[in-house]
PDB file of N, CA and C in Angstrom:
ATOM      1  N   MET A   1       6.295  15.850 -15.982  1.00  0.00           N
ATOM      2  CA  MET A   1       4.979  16.167 -15.506  1.00  0.00           C
ATOM      3  C   MET A   1       4.589  15.186 -14.409  1.00  0.00           C
ATOM      4  N   GLY A   2       3.940  15.678 -13.406  1.00  0.00           N
ATOM      5  CA  GLY A   2       3.513  14.819 -12.317  1.00  0.00           C
ATOM      6  C   GLY A   2       2.083  15.125 -11.915  1.00  0.00           C
ATOM      7  N   VAL A   3       1.407  14.137 -11.440  1.00  0.00           N
ATOM      8  CA  VAL A   3       0.037  14.287 -10.957  1.00  0.00           C
ATOM      9  C   VAL A   3      -0.007  13.751  -9.542  1.00  0.00           C
ATOM     10  N   THR A   4      -0.578  14.514  -8.641  1.00  0.00           N
ATOM     11  CA  THR A   4      -0.716  14.082  -7.254  1.00  0.00           C
ATOM     12  C   THR A   4      -2.195  14.031  -6.903  1.00  0.00           C
ATOM     13  N   VAL A   5      -2.601  12.950  -6.282  1.00  0.00           N
ATOM     14  CA  VAL A   5      -3.983  12.792  -5.852  1.00  0.00           C
ATOM     15  C   VAL A   5      -3.964  12.483  -4.359  1.00  0.00           C
ATOM     16  N   ASP A   6      -4.708  13.257  -3.576  1.00  0.00           N
ATOM     17  CA  ASP A   6      -4.843  12.997  -2.142  1.00  0.00           C
ATOM     18  C   ASP A   6      -6.221  12.417  -1.887  1.00  0.00           C
ATOM     19  N   VAL A   7      -6.253  11.271  -1.234  1.00  0.00           N
ATOM     20  CA  VAL A   7      -7.518  10.625  -0.893  1.00  0.00           C
ATOM     21  C   VAL A   7      -7.499  10.356   0.603  1.00  0.00           C
ATOM     22  N   HIS A   8      -8.563  10.745   1.275  1.00  0.00           N
ATOM     23  CA  HIS A   8      -8.697  10.486   2.707  1.00  0.00           C
ATOM     24  C   HIS A   8      -9.932   9.628   2.897  1.00  0.00           C
ATOM     25  N   GLU A   9      -9.763   8.498   3.570  1.00  0.00           N
ATOM     26  CA  GLU A   9     -10.877   7.584   3.782  1.00  0.00           C
ATOM     27  C   GLU A   9     -10.862   7.121   5.226  1.00  0.00           C
ATOM     28  N   VAL A  10     -12.039   7.047   5.820  1.00  0.00           N
ATOM     29  CA  VAL A  10     -12.172   6.541   7.182  1.00  0.00           C
ATOM     30  C   VAL A  10     -12.784   5.148   7.092  1.00  0.00           C
ATOM     31  N   PHE A  11     -12.037   4.143   7.557  1.00  0.00           N
ATOM     32  CA  PHE A  11     -12.554   2.782   7.643  1.00  0.00           C
ATOM     33  C   PHE A  11     -13.244   2.657   8.993  1.00  0.00           C
ATOM     34  N   LYS A  12     -14.505   2.343   9.001  1.00  0.00           N
ATOM     35  CA  LYS A  12     -15.266   2.294  10.250  1.00  0.00           C
ATOM     36  C   LYS A  12     -15.116   0.939  10.926  1.00  0.00           C
ATOM     37  N   TYR A  13     -13.854   0.584  11.168  1.00  0.00           N
ATOM     38  CA  TYR A  13     -13.476  -0.663  11.835  1.00  0.00           C
ATOM     39  C   TYR A  13     -12.357  -0.338  12.813  1.00  0.00           C
ATOM     40  N   PRO A  14     -12.155  -1.176  13.813  1.00  0.00           N
ATOM     41  CA  PRO A  14     -11.057  -0.941  14.754  1.00  0.00           C
ATOM     42  C   PRO A  14      -9.700  -0.928  14.034  1.00  0.00           C
ATOM     43  N   PHE A  15      -8.783  -0.130  14.537  1.00  0.00           N
ATOM     44  CA  PHE A  15      -7.443   0.023  13.960  1.00  0.00           C
ATOM     45  C   PHE A  15      -6.768  -1.330  13.741  1.00  0.00           C
ATOM     46  N   GLU A  16      -6.823  -2.201  14.747  1.00  0.00           N
ATOM     47  CA  GLU A  16      -6.167  -3.513  14.658  1.00  0.00           C
ATOM     48  C   GLU A  16      -6.719  -4.341  13.493  1.00  0.00           C
ATOM     49  N   GLN A  17      -8.011  -4.262  13.259  1.00  0.00           N
ATOM     50  CA  GLN A  17      -8.630  -5.032  12.182  1.00  0.00           C
ATOM     51  C   GLN A  17      -8.197  -4.508  10.814  1.00  0.00           C
ATOM     52  N   VAL A  18      -8.109  -3.202  10.657  1.00  0.00           N
ATOM     53  CA  VAL A  18      -7.677  -2.608   9.384  1.00  0.00           C
ATOM     54  C   VAL A  18      -6.228  -2.993   9.100  1.00  0.00           C
ATOM     55  N   VAL A  19      -5.355  -2.878  10.089  1.00  0.00           N
ATOM     56  CA  VAL A  19      -3.943  -3.224   9.916  1.00  0.00           C
ATOM     57  C   VAL A  19      -3.789  -4.719   9.630  1.00  0.00           C
ATOM     58  N   ALA A  20      -4.495  -5.562  10.361  1.00  0.00           N
ATOM     59  CA  ALA A  20      -4.397  -7.016  10.144  1.00  0.00           C
ATOM     60  C   ALA A  20      -4.845  -7.390   8.737  1.00  0.00           C
ATOM     61  N   SER A  21      -5.902  -6.769   8.239  1.00  0.00           N
ATOM     62  CA  SER A  21      -6.379  -7.048   6.878  1.00  0.00           C
ATOM     63  C   SER A  21      -5.329  -6.669   5.848  1.00  0.00           C
ATOM     64  N   PHE A  22      -4.710  -5.519   6.035  1.00  0.00           N
ATOM     65  CA  PHE A  22      -3.674  -5.074   5.113  1.00  0.00           C
ATOM     66  C   PHE A  22      -2.481  -6.030   5.118  1.00  0.00           C
ATOM     67  N   LEU A  23      -2.062  -6.458   6.287  1.00  0.00           N
ATOM     68  CA  LEU A  23      -0.864  -7.289   6.408  1.00  0.00           C
ATOM     69  C   LEU A  23      -1.066  -8.715   5.899  1.00  0.00           C
ATOM     70  N   ARG A  24      -2.296  -9.170   5.762  1.00  0.00           N
ATOM     71  CA  ARG A  24      -2.571 -10.521   5.267  1.00  0.00           C
ATOM     72  C   ARG A  24      -2.566 -10.607   3.740  1.00  0.00           C
ATOM     73  N   LYS A  25      -2.374  -9.489   3.044  1.00  0.00           N
ATOM     74  CA  LYS A  25      -2.501  -9.483   1.577  1.00  0.00           C
ATOM     75  C   LYS A  25      -1.576 -10.472   0.882  1.00  0.00           C
ATOM     76  N   CYS A  26      -0.334 -10.545   1.274  1.00  0.00           N
ATOM     77  CA  CYS A  26       0.596 -11.474   0.611  1.00  0.00           C
ATOM     78  C   CYS A  26       1.827 -11.673   1.493  1.00  0.00           C
ATOM     79  N   GLU A  27       2.667 -12.638   1.104  1.00  0.00           N
ATOM     80  CA  GLU A  27       3.877 -12.921   1.881  1.00  0.00           C
ATOM     81  C   GLU A  27       4.836 -11.742   1.816  1.00  0.00           C
ATOM     82  N   ASN A  28       5.679 -11.637   2.831  1.00  0.00           N
ATOM     83  CA  ASN A  28       6.573 -10.493   2.882  1.00  0.00           C
ATOM     84  C   ASN A  28       7.815 -10.797   3.705  1.00  0.00           C
ATOM     85  N   PHE A  29       8.756  -9.874   3.620  1.00  0.00           N
ATOM     86  CA  PHE A  29       9.966  -9.891   4.438  1.00  0.00           C
ATOM     87  C   PHE A  29       9.651  -9.079   5.684  1.00  0.00           C
ATOM     88  N   LEU A  30       9.996  -9.582   6.847  1.00  0.00           N
ATOM     89  CA  LEU A  30       9.643  -8.944   8.108  1.00  0.00           C
ATOM     90  C   LEU A  30      10.891  -8.654   8.922  1.00  0.00           C
ATOM     91  N   PHE A  31      10.926  -7.466   9.538  1.00  0.00           N
ATOM     92  CA  PHE A  31      12.041  -7.081  10.399  1.00  0.00           C
ATOM     93  C   PHE A  31      11.475  -6.302  11.576  1.00  0.00           C
ATOM     94  N   LEU A  32      11.871  -6.644  12.787  1.00  0.00           N
ATOM     95  CA  LEU A  32      11.434  -5.926  13.985  1.00  0.00           C
ATOM     96  C   LEU A  32      12.615  -5.169  14.549  1.00  0.00           C
ATOM     97  N   ASP A  33      12.454  -3.854  14.697  1.00  0.00           N
ATOM     98  CA  ASP A  33      13.474  -3.029  15.334  1.00  0.00           C
ATOM     99  C   ASP A  33      13.211  -3.083  16.839  1.00  0.00           C
ATOM    100  N   VAL A  34      14.017  -3.852  17.551  1.00  0.00           N
ATOM    101  CA  VAL A  34      13.800  -4.080  18.985  1.00  0.00           C
ATOM    102  C   VAL A  34      13.887  -2.774  19.775  1.00  0.00           C
ATOM    103  N   SER A  35      14.730  -1.845  19.365  1.00  0.00           N
ATOM    104  CA  SER A  35      14.896  -0.603  20.123  1.00  0.00           C
ATOM    105  C   SER A  35      13.670   0.309  20.030  1.00  0.00           C
ATOM    106  N   THR A  36      12.940   0.275  18.908  1.00  0.00           N
ATOM    107  CA  THR A  36      11.779   1.151  18.750  1.00  0.00           C
ATOM    108  C   THR A  36      10.450   0.399  18.770  1.00  0.00           C
ATOM    109  N   GLY A  37      10.476  -0.915  18.542  1.00  0.00           N
ATOM    110  CA  GLY A  37       9.252  -1.704  18.472  1.00  0.00           C
ATOM    111  C   GLY A  37       8.549  -1.609  17.121  1.00  0.00           C
ATOM    112  N   ILE A  38       9.157  -0.926  16.151  1.00  0.00           N
ATOM    113  CA  ILE A  38       8.550  -0.762  14.827  1.00  0.00           C
ATOM    114  C   ILE A  38       8.769  -2.025  13.998  1.00  0.00           C
ATOM    115  N   ILE A  39       7.689  -2.490  13.374  1.00  0.00           N
ATOM    116  CA  ILE A  39       7.747  -3.675  12.519  1.00  0.00           C
ATOM    117  C   ILE A  39       7.817  -3.195  11.071  1.00  0.00           C
ATOM    118  N   TYR A  40       8.877  -3.581  10.385  1.00  0.00           N
ATOM    119  CA  TYR A  40       9.095  -3.199   8.993  1.00  0.00           C
ATOM    120  C   TYR A  40       8.787  -4.397   8.106  1.00  0.00           C
ATOM    121  N   ARG A  41       8.044  -4.175   7.034  1.00  0.00           N
ATOM    122  CA  ARG A  41       7.731  -5.229   6.069  1.00  0.00           C
ATOM    123  C   ARG A  41       8.045  -4.730   4.666  1.00  0.00           C
ATOM    124  N   LYS A  42       8.521  -5.658   3.834  1.00  0.00           N
ATOM    125  CA  LYS A  42       8.753  -5.353   2.427  1.00  0.00           C
ATOM    126  C   LYS A  42       8.267  -6.542   1.621  1.00  0.00           C
ATOM    127  N   ARG A  43       7.542  -6.268   0.534  1.00  0.00           N
ATOM    128  CA  ARG A  43       7.002  -7.350  -0.274  1.00  0.00           C
ATOM    129  C   ARG A  43       6.749  -6.903  -1.705  1.00  0.00           C
ATOM    130  N   ILE A  44       6.605  -7.892  -2.565  1.00  0.00           N
ATOM    131  CA  ILE A  44       6.196  -7.676  -3.947  1.00  0.00           C
ATOM    132  C   ILE A  44       4.755  -8.169  -4.042  1.00  0.00           C
ATOM    133  N   ALA A  45       3.865  -7.304  -4.455  1.00  0.00           N
ATOM    134  CA  ALA A  45       2.460  -7.676  -4.614  1.00  0.00           C
ATOM    135  C   ALA A  45       2.146  -7.788  -6.103  1.00  0.00           C
ATOM    136  N   VAL A  46       1.379  -8.795  -6.460  1.00  0.00           N
ATOM    137  CA  VAL A  46       0.924  -8.972  -7.843  1.00  0.00           C
ATOM    138  C   VAL A  46      -0.580  -8.751  -7.840  1.00  0.00           C
ATOM    139  N   CYS A  47      -1.012  -7.754  -8.604  1.00  0.00           N
ATOM    140  CA  CYS A  47      -2.424  -7.380  -8.654  1.00  0.00           C
ATOM    141  C   CYS A  47      -2.955  -7.523 -10.075  1.00  0.00           C
ATOM    142  N   GLN A  48      -4.226  -7.755 -10.184  1.00  0.00           N
ATOM    143  CA  GLN A  48      -4.863  -7.833 -11.496  1.00  0.00           C
ATOM    144  C   GLN A  48      -4.823  -6.460 -12.148  1.00  0.00           C
ATOM    145  N   ASN A  49      -4.528  -6.419 -13.430  1.00  0.00           N
ATOM    146  CA  ASN A  49      -4.497  -5.173 -14.191  1.00  0.00           C
ATOM    147  C   ASN A  49      -5.923  -4.635 -14.325  1.00  0.00           C
ATOM    148  N   VAL A  50      -6.145  -3.425 -13.827  1.00  0.00           N
ATOM    149  CA  VAL A  50      -7.478  -2.820 -13.888  1.00  0.00           C
ATOM    150  C   VAL A  50      -7.559  -1.693 -14.915  1.00  0.00           C
ATOM    151  N   VAL A  51      -6.565  -1.588 -15.776  1.00  0.00           N
ATOM    152  CA  VAL A  51      -6.599  -0.582 -16.839  1.00  0.00           C
ATOM    153  C   VAL A  51      -7.796  -0.898 -17.738  1.00  0.00           C
ATOM    154  N   PRO A  52      -8.633   0.101 -18.050  1.00  0.00           N
ATOM    155  CA  PRO A  52      -9.809  -0.154 -18.905  1.00  0.00           C
ATOM    156  C   PRO A  52      -9.429  -0.801 -20.240  1.00  0.00           C
ATOM    157  N   GLU A  53     -10.290  -1.665 -20.716  1.00  0.00           N
ATOM    158  CA  GLU A  53     -10.046  -2.437 -21.940  1.00  0.00           C
ATOM    159  C   GLU A  53      -9.727  -1.547 -23.140  1.00  0.00           C
ATOM    160  N   ILE A  54     -10.368  -0.414 -23.236  1.00  0.00           N
ATOM    161  CA  ILE A  54     -10.121   0.486 -24.373  1.00  0.00           C
ATOM    162  C   ILE A  54      -8.668   0.958 -24.408  1.00  0.00           C
ATOM    163  N   LEU A  55      -8.063   1.157 -23.233  1.00  0.00           N
ATOM    164  CA  LEU A  55      -6.665   1.590 -23.166  1.00  0.00           C
ATOM    165  C   LEU A  55      -5.696   0.438 -23.399  1.00  0.00           C
ATOM    166  N   ARG A  56      -6.169  -0.788 -23.232  1.00  0.00           N
ATOM    167  CA  ARG A  56      -5.298  -1.954 -23.424  1.00  0.00           C
ATOM    168  C   ARG A  56      -5.003  -2.225 -24.900  1.00  0.00           C
ATOM    169  N   LYS A  57      -5.542  -1.431 -25.785  1.00  0.00           N
ATOM    170  CA  LYS A  57      -5.194  -1.545 -27.205  1.00  0.00           C
ATOM    171  C   LYS A  57      -3.744  -1.124 -27.413  1.00  0.00           C
ATOM    172  N   VAL A  58      -3.230  -0.339 -26.475  1.00  0.00           N
ATOM    173  CA  VAL A  58      -1.807   0.016 -26.473  1.00  0.00           C
ATOM    174  C   VAL A  58      -1.072  -1.192 -25.886  1.00  0.00           C
ATOM    175  N   ASN A  59      -0.136  -1.755 -26.651  1.00  0.00           N
ATOM    176  CA  ASN A  59       0.506  -3.019 -26.272  1.00  0.00           C
ATOM    177  C   ASN A  59       1.128  -3.018 -24.879  1.00  0.00           C
ATOM    178  N   ILE A  60       1.759  -1.926 -24.473  1.00  0.00           N
ATOM    179  CA  ILE A  60       2.427  -1.935 -23.161  1.00  0.00           C
ATOM    180  C   ILE A  60       1.435  -2.051 -22.006  1.00  0.00           C
ATOM    181  N   LEU A  61       0.176  -1.684 -22.237  1.00  0.00           N
ATOM    182  CA  LEU A  61      -0.846  -1.778 -21.188  1.00  0.00           C
ATOM    183  C   LEU A  61      -1.580  -3.116 -21.193  1.00  0.00           C
ATOM    184  N   LYS A  62      -1.262  -3.966 -22.170  1.00  0.00           N
ATOM    185  CA  LYS A  62      -1.963  -5.238 -22.347  1.00  0.00           C
ATOM    186  C   LYS A  62      -1.250  -6.343 -21.560  1.00  0.00           C
ATOM    187  N   VAL A  63      -1.266  -6.231 -20.252  1.00  0.00           N
ATOM    188  CA  VAL A  63      -0.682  -7.258 -19.378  1.00  0.00           C
ATOM    189  C   VAL A  63      -1.750  -7.711 -18.388  1.00  0.00           C
ATOM    190  N   PRO A  64      -1.759  -8.996 -18.019  1.00  0.00           N
ATOM    191  CA  PRO A  64      -2.798  -9.478 -17.103  1.00  0.00           C
ATOM    192  C   PRO A  64      -2.598  -9.012 -15.650  1.00  0.00           C
ATOM    193  N   ASN A  65      -1.332  -8.840 -15.245  1.00  0.00           N
ATOM    194  CA  ASN A  65      -1.034  -8.484 -13.854  1.00  0.00           C
ATOM    195  C   ASN A  65      -0.062  -7.318 -13.773  1.00  0.00           C
ATOM    196  N   VAL A  66      -0.118  -6.632 -12.656  1.00  0.00           N
ATOM    197  CA  VAL A  66       0.772  -5.508 -12.368  1.00  0.00           C
ATOM    198  C   VAL A  66       1.514  -5.834 -11.077  1.00  0.00           C
ATOM    199  N   GLN A  67       2.835  -5.594 -11.063  1.00  0.00           N
ATOM    200  CA  GLN A  67       3.625  -5.845  -9.850  1.00  0.00           C
ATOM    201  C   GLN A  67       3.920  -4.530  -9.128  1.00  0.00           C
ATOM    202  N   LEU A  68       3.807  -4.576  -7.806  1.00  0.00           N
ATOM    203  CA  LEU A  68       4.105  -3.431  -6.948  1.00  0.00           C
ATOM    204  C   LEU A  68       5.102  -3.848  -5.886  1.00  0.00           C
ATOM    205  N   GLU A  69       6.039  -2.962  -5.577  1.00  0.00           N
ATOM    206  CA  GLU A  69       6.916  -3.178  -4.420  1.00  0.00           C
ATOM    207  C   GLU A  69       6.371  -2.303  -3.305  1.00  0.00           C
ATOM    208  N   GLU A  70       6.195  -2.902  -2.141  1.00  0.00           N
ATOM    209  CA  GLU A  70       5.543  -2.213  -1.047  1.00  0.00           C
ATOM    210  C   GLU A  70       6.364  -2.339   0.234  1.00  0.00           C
ATOM    211  N   GLU A  71       6.491  -1.238   0.956  1.00  0.00           N
ATOM    212  CA  GLU A  71       7.163  -1.228   2.258  1.00  0.00           C
ATOM    213  C   GLU A  71       6.187  -0.653   3.277  1.00  0.00           C
ATOM    214  N   SER A  72       6.224  -1.190   4.496  1.00  0.00           N
ATOM    215  CA  SER A  72       5.370  -0.640   5.551  1.00  0.00           C
ATOM    216  C   SER A  72       6.121  -0.613   6.873  1.00  0.00           C
ATOM    217  N   TRP A  73       5.751   0.363   7.685  1.00  0.00           N
ATOM    218  CA  TRP A  73       6.322   0.546   9.021  1.00  0.00           C
ATOM    219  C   TRP A  73       5.152   0.601   9.990  1.00  0.00           C
ATOM    220  N   PHE A  74       5.024  -0.415  10.840  1.00  0.00           N
ATOM    221  CA  PHE A  74       3.924  -0.499  11.795  1.00  0.00           C
ATOM    222  C   PHE A  74       4.459  -0.209  13.186  1.00  0.00           C
ATOM    223  N   ASN A  75       3.918   0.815  13.835  1.00  0.00           N
ATOM    224  CA  ASN A  75       4.317   1.189  15.183  1.00  0.00           C
ATOM    225  C   ASN A  75       3.141   0.884  16.113  1.00  0.00           C
ATOM    226  N   PRO A  76       3.155  -0.284  16.767  1.00  0.00           N
ATOM    227  CA  PRO A  76       2.020  -0.651  17.627  1.00  0.00           C
ATOM    228  C   PRO A  76       1.868   0.262  18.846  1.00  0.00           C
ATOM    229  N   GLN A  77       2.966   0.850  19.323  1.00  0.00           N
ATOM    230  CA  GLN A  77       2.871   1.734  20.489  1.00  0.00           C
ATOM    231  C   GLN A  77       2.131   3.028  20.151  1.00  0.00           C
ATOM    232  N   GLU A  78       2.432   3.620  18.988  1.00  0.00           N
ATOM    233  CA  GLU A  78       1.764   4.862  18.576  1.00  0.00           C
ATOM    234  C   GLU A  78       0.505   4.593  17.773  1.00  0.00           C
ATOM    235  N   ARG A  79       0.230   3.312  17.500  1.00  0.00           N
ATOM    236  CA  ARG A  79      -0.956   2.886  16.769  1.00  0.00           C
ATOM    237  C   ARG A  79      -1.074   3.586  15.409  1.00  0.00           C
ATOM    238  N   ASN A  80      -0.012   3.438  14.612  1.00  0.00           N
ATOM    239  CA  ASN A  80      -0.062   3.938  13.245  1.00  0.00           C
ATOM    240  C   ASN A  80       0.767   3.040  12.346  1.00  0.00           C
ATOM    241  N   MET A  81       0.471   3.101  11.072  1.00  0.00           N
ATOM    242  CA  MET A  81       1.231   2.342  10.084  1.00  0.00           C
ATOM    243  C   MET A  81       1.384   3.205   8.841  1.00  0.00           C
ATOM    244  N   ALA A  82       2.624   3.347   8.371  1.00  0.00           N
ATOM    245  CA  ALA A  82       2.922   4.080   7.149  1.00  0.00           C
ATOM    246  C   ALA A  82       3.263   3.074   6.053  1.00  0.00           C
ATOM    247  N   ILE A  83       2.779   3.338   4.850  1.00  0.00           N
ATOM    248  CA  ILE A  83       2.993   2.436   3.721  1.00  0.00           C
ATOM    249  C   ILE A  83       3.487   3.249   2.538  1.00  0.00           C
ATOM    250  N   ARG A  84       4.458   2.698   1.841  1.00  0.00           N
ATOM    251  CA  ARG A  84       4.969   3.331   0.625  1.00  0.00           C
ATOM    252  C   ARG A  84       5.080   2.240  -0.433  1.00  0.00           C
ATOM    253  N   SER A  85       4.513   2.486  -1.612  1.00  0.00           N
ATOM    254  CA  SER A  85       4.602   1.492  -2.681  1.00  0.00           C
ATOM    255  C   SER A  85       4.861   2.184  -4.011  1.00  0.00           C
ATOM    256  N   HIS A  86       5.406   1.403  -4.938  1.00  0.00           N
ATOM    257  CA  HIS A  86       5.592   1.908  -6.307  1.00  0.00           C
ATOM    258  C   HIS A  86       5.434   0.753  -7.290  1.00  0.00           C
ATOM    259  N   CYS A  87       5.036   1.123  -8.497  1.00  0.00           N
ATOM    260  CA  CYS A  87       4.762   0.139  -9.544  1.00  0.00           C
ATOM    261  C   CYS A  87       6.069  -0.324 -10.170  1.00  0.00           C
ATOM    262  N   LEU A  88       6.198  -1.635 -10.357  1.00  0.00           N
ATOM    263  CA  LEU A  88       7.382  -2.210 -11.003  1.00  0.00           C
ATOM    264  C   LEU A  88       7.124  -2.553 -12.474  1.00  0.00           C
ATOM    265  N   THR A  89       5.879  -2.616 -12.872  1.00  0.00           N
ATOM    266  CA  THR A  89       5.521  -3.120 -14.198  1.00  0.00           C
ATOM    267  C   THR A  89       5.907  -2.183 -15.341  1.00  0.00           C
ATOM    268  N   TRP A  90       5.613  -0.906 -15.238  1.00  0.00           N
ATOM    269  CA  TRP A  90       5.840   0.010 -16.362  1.00  0.00           C
ATOM    270  C   TRP A  90       6.914   1.046 -16.055  1.00  0.00           C
ATOM    271  N   THR A  91       7.941   0.673 -15.325  1.00  0.00           N
ATOM    272  CA  THR A  91       8.949   1.651 -14.891  1.00  0.00           C
ATOM    273  C   THR A  91       9.689   2.321 -16.041  1.00  0.00           C
ATOM    274  N   GLN A  92       9.804   1.667 -17.200  1.00  0.00           N
ATOM    275  CA  GLN A  92      10.506   2.275 -18.323  1.00  0.00           C
ATOM    276  C   GLN A  92       9.662   3.363 -18.998  1.00  0.00           C
ATOM    277  N   TYR A  93       8.350   3.445 -18.657  1.00  0.00           N
ATOM    278  CA  TYR A  93       7.464   4.418 -19.293  1.00  0.00           C
ATOM    279  C   TYR A  93       6.945   5.491 -18.336  1.00  0.00           C
ATOM    280  N   ALA A  94       6.701   5.109 -17.096  1.00  0.00           N
ATOM    281  CA  ALA A  94       6.122   6.042 -16.125  1.00  0.00           C
ATOM    282  C   ALA A  94       6.384   5.529 -14.720  1.00  0.00           C
ATOM    283  N   SER A  95       6.190   6.392 -13.753  1.00  0.00           N
ATOM    284  CA  SER A  95       6.325   5.948 -12.363  1.00  0.00           C
ATOM    285  C   SER A  95       5.024   6.234 -11.617  1.00  0.00           C
ATOM    286  N   MET A  96       4.686   5.328 -10.738  1.00  0.00           N
ATOM    287  CA  MET A  96       3.512   5.483  -9.904  1.00  0.00           C
ATOM    288  C   MET A  96       3.948   5.188  -8.479  1.00  0.00           C
ATOM    289  N   LYS A  97       3.671   6.124  -7.591  1.00  0.00           N
ATOM    290  CA  LYS A  97       4.014   5.936  -6.185  1.00  0.00           C
ATOM    291  C   LYS A  97       2.777   6.198  -5.348  1.00  0.00           C
ATOM    292  N   GLU A  98       2.697   5.489  -4.238  1.00  0.00           N
ATOM    293  CA  GLU A  98       1.589   5.687  -3.316  1.00  0.00           C
ATOM    294  C   GLU A  98       2.138   5.706  -1.899  1.00  0.00           C
ATOM    295  N   GLU A  99       1.630   6.623  -1.105  1.00  0.00           N
ATOM    296  CA  GLU A  99       1.978   6.684   0.309  1.00  0.00           C
ATOM    297  C   GLU A  99       0.682   6.742   1.099  1.00  0.00           C
ATOM    298  N   SER A 100       0.590   5.909   2.135  1.00  0.00           N
ATOM    299  CA  SER A 100      -0.606   5.861   2.970  1.00  0.00           C
ATOM    300  C   SER A 100      -0.202   5.847   4.432  1.00  0.00           C
ATOM    301  N   VAL A 101      -1.095   6.346   5.260  1.00  0.00           N
ATOM    302  CA  VAL A 101      -0.902   6.286   6.706  1.00  0.00           C
ATOM    303  C   VAL A 101      -2.212   5.799   7.307  1.00  0.00           C
ATOM    304  N   PHE A 102      -2.133   4.746   8.116  1.00  0.00           N
ATOM    305  CA  PHE A 102      -3.287   4.253   8.857  1.00  0.00           C
ATOM    306  C   PHE A 102      -3.110   4.677  10.304  1.00  0.00           C
ATOM    307  N   ARG A 103      -4.151   5.273  10.878  1.00  0.00           N
ATOM    308  CA  ARG A 103      -4.150   5.660  12.292  1.00  0.00           C
ATOM    309  C   ARG A 103      -5.595   5.758  12.747  1.00  0.00           C
ATOM    310  N   GLU A 104      -5.787   5.844  14.048  1.00  0.00           N
ATOM    311  CA  GLU A 104      -7.138   5.972  14.586  1.00  0.00           C
ATOM    312  C   GLU A 104      -7.763   7.287  14.120  1.00  0.00           C
ATOM    313  N   SER A 105      -9.073   7.251  13.933  1.00  0.00           N
ATOM    314  CA  SER A 105      -9.811   8.448  13.538  1.00  0.00           C
ATOM    315  C   SER A 105      -9.860   9.429  14.698  1.00  0.00           C
ATOM    316  N   MET A 106      -9.786  10.712  14.378  1.00  0.00           N
ATOM    317  CA  MET A 106      -9.912  11.750  15.411  1.00  0.00           C
ATOM    318  C   MET A 106     -11.355  11.817  15.933  1.00  0.00           C
ATOM    319  N   GLU A 107     -12.345  11.512  15.045  1.00  0.00           N
ATOM    320  CA  GLU A 107     -13.733  11.575  15.477  1.00  0.00           C
ATOM    321  C   GLU A 107     -14.146  10.391  16.321  1.00  0.00           C
ATOM    322  N   ASN A 108     -13.543   9.236  16.066  1.00  0.00           N
ATOM    323  CA  ASN A 108     -13.939   8.037  16.796  1.00  0.00           C
ATOM    324  C   ASN A 108     -12.733   7.104  16.906  1.00  0.00           C
ATOM    325  N   PRO A 109     -12.185   6.887  18.090  1.00  0.00           N
ATOM    326  CA  PRO A 109     -10.995   6.024  18.223  1.00  0.00           C
ATOM    327  C   PRO A 109     -11.251   4.561  17.880  1.00  0.00           C
ATOM    328  N   ASN A 110     -12.526   4.163  17.694  1.00  0.00           N
ATOM    329  CA  ASN A 110     -12.830   2.796  17.298  1.00  0.00           C
ATOM    330  C   ASN A 110     -12.764   2.614  15.784  1.00  0.00           C
ATOM    331  N   TRP A 111     -12.502   3.706  15.041  1.00  0.00           N
ATOM    332  CA  TRP A 111     -12.388   3.641  13.586  1.00  0.00           C
ATOM    333  C   TRP A 111     -10.939   3.806  13.187  1.00  0.00           C
TER     334      TRP A 111
END
């Protein structure tokens, strides 16, 4: 069984500011493809567990932190960034994947 959720959000900030904020989250492995100009990053992020307390009565959900592996491809020429992440914490029980794309808004190029 799988569940897919699509969320679209417009950050009312310049593209460069949104990308810079995302890239400052934690340390990462960096690779620049000189032929295309695409910057590739890979990192492990540790986030606070936000599972509601009532669900944490189940032992496997009772952890203080959740680990995610995240990859991103930033193309400064086309002004977009694609991100793909998945959860490492509960892989033996379930999988969680997220894909995001950051690009300028069609309504306002300053967003």
